[in-house]
Amino acid sequence: MNRMTKQAMIIDGYGVDGNSVDGYIVETADIVSTPGGYTGHAIERLAKFENFYDDLINGQTKLTEDLALLRSEGKEKSVQFKELLTKKLVNVNVMILLKNYGLE
């Protein structure tokens, strides 16, 4: 995956151009100002990430409900239960990784 962002060049809290900078910067071509807000490659990637994160969180809720239903039916040893539990654990690990990077 080609990186779109780069770490901002920060000297005493200011970027090399003298403007206050905190975090990451992208090329100006990746963000386009429009009357309704912003668009461009950077905004599209951010939107895709936010959609991914929402799906991950909503999926965890569904997995929890499905696992509870299987437990109530006494199907803790079924293949379906084990698959759902594995998926839930993988998702938890992804969420922990995202949290470690401040993305929660």
Protein backbone atom coordinates (compact mmCIF):
# COMPACT_ATOMS: atom_id res chain seq x y z
CA MET A 1 0.00 0.00 0.00
CA ASN A 2 1.38 3.37 -0.96
CA ARG A 3 1.41 5.77 1.98
CA MET A 4 -0.39 9.00 1.40
CA THR A 5 0.60 10.65 4.68
CA LYS A 6 3.97 11.56 6.03
CA GLN A 7 5.08 12.71 9.42
CA ALA A 8 5.01 16.50 9.63
CA MET A 9 8.39 18.17 9.79
CA ILE A 10 8.08 19.83 13.20
CA ILE A 11 10.61 22.25 14.65
CA ASP A 12 9.61 23.82 17.98
CA GLY A 13 5.93 23.12 17.24
CA TYR A 14 6.04 24.67 13.78
CA GLY A 15 6.35 23.14 10.35
CA VAL A 16 9.15 24.00 7.97
CA ASP A 17 6.86 26.62 6.38
CA GLY A 18 6.36 28.39 9.74
CA ASN A 19 2.77 27.22 10.26
CA SER A 20 1.73 25.43 13.43
CA VAL A 21 1.74 21.68 12.74
CA ASP A 22 0.72 18.69 14.80
CA GLY A 23 0.76 15.17 13.39
CA TYR A 24 0.63 14.20 9.75
CA ILE A 25 0.46 16.11 6.51
CA VAL A 26 -0.69 15.15 3.03
CA GLU A 27 0.03 16.64 -0.34
CA THR A 28 -2.32 19.48 -1.23
CA ALA A 29 -3.49 17.54 -4.29
CA ASP A 30 -4.97 14.88 -1.97
CA ILE A 31 -7.44 17.31 -0.37
CA VAL A 32 -9.70 19.62 -2.35
CA SER A 33 -11.80 22.33 -0.74
CA THR A 34 -15.39 22.54 -1.98
CA PRO A 35 -18.29 24.79 -0.92
CA GLY A 36 -19.74 21.89 1.12
CA GLY A 37 -16.50 20.84 2.81
CA TYR A 38 -13.58 18.81 1.50
CA THR A 39 -13.06 15.99 -0.97
CA GLY A 40 -10.15 14.21 -2.56
CA HIS A 41 -8.04 11.09 -2.16
CA ALA A 42 -7.24 11.72 1.52
CA ILE A 43 -10.90 12.22 2.41
CA GLU A 44 -11.90 9.09 0.48
CA ARG A 45 -9.35 6.99 2.37
CA LEU A 46 -10.48 8.42 5.69
CA ALA A 47 -14.10 7.63 4.83
CA LYS A 48 -13.17 4.05 3.91
CA PHE A 49 -11.37 3.63 7.23
CA GLU A 50 -14.32 5.06 9.16
CA ASN A 51 -16.70 2.68 7.33
CA PHE A 52 -14.38 -0.25 8.12
CA TYR A 53 -14.26 0.73 11.80
CA ASP A 54 -18.06 1.09 12.01
CA ASP A 55 -18.50 -2.34 10.40
CA LEU A 56 -15.99 -3.83 12.85
CA ILE A 57 -17.80 -2.41 15.89
CA ASN A 58 -21.26 -3.33 14.60
CA GLY A 59 -20.00 -6.80 13.69
CA GLN A 60 -18.81 -7.33 17.25
CA THR A 61 -22.29 -6.57 18.56
CA LYS A 62 -23.83 -9.06 16.12
CA LEU A 63 -21.22 -11.71 16.99
CA THR A 64 -21.93 -11.27 20.70
CA GLU A 65 -25.66 -11.74 20.10
CA ASP A 66 -25.11 -14.81 17.89
CA LEU A 67 -22.76 -16.39 20.44
CA ALA A 68 -25.26 -15.76 23.25
CA LEU A 69 -27.99 -17.45 21.21
CA LEU A 70 -25.81 -20.50 20.54
CA ARG A 71 -24.87 -20.67 24.23
CA SER A 72 -28.55 -20.59 25.22
CA GLU A 73 -29.13 -23.50 22.85
CA GLY A 74 -26.23 -25.45 24.38
CA LYS A 75 -24.19 -25.36 21.16
CA GLU A 76 -20.86 -24.23 22.62
CA LYS A 77 -19.07 -27.16 20.98
CA SER A 78 -20.51 -26.65 17.50
CA VAL A 79 -18.35 -25.63 14.55
CA GLN A 80 -20.47 -22.52 14.07
CA PHE A 81 -19.88 -21.41 17.67
CA LYS A 82 -16.12 -21.96 17.35
CA GLU A 83 -15.99 -20.04 14.06
CA LEU A 84 -17.92 -17.09 15.50
CA LEU A 85 -15.79 -17.06 18.65
CA THR A 86 -12.61 -17.09 16.55
CA LYS A 87 -13.90 -14.22 14.44
CA LYS A 88 -14.76 -12.25 17.58
CA LEU A 89 -11.27 -12.79 19.01
CA VAL A 90 -9.61 -11.71 15.75
CA ASN A 91 -11.78 -8.58 15.71
CA VAL A 92 -10.84 -7.83 19.33
CA ASN A 93 -7.16 -8.07 18.40
CA VAL A 94 -7.69 -5.66 15.50
CA MET A 95 -9.51 -3.24 17.82
CA ILE A 96 -6.64 -3.43 20.33
CA LEU A 97 -4.14 -2.69 17.57
CA LEU A 98 -6.20 0.28 16.41
CA LYS A 99 -6.45 1.54 20.00
CA ASN A 100 -2.67 1.30 20.38
CA TYR A 101 -2.40 3.73 17.44
CA GLY A 102 -5.02 6.06 18.93
CA LEU A 103 -7.70 5.01 16.44
CA GLU A 104 -10.77 4.28 18.49
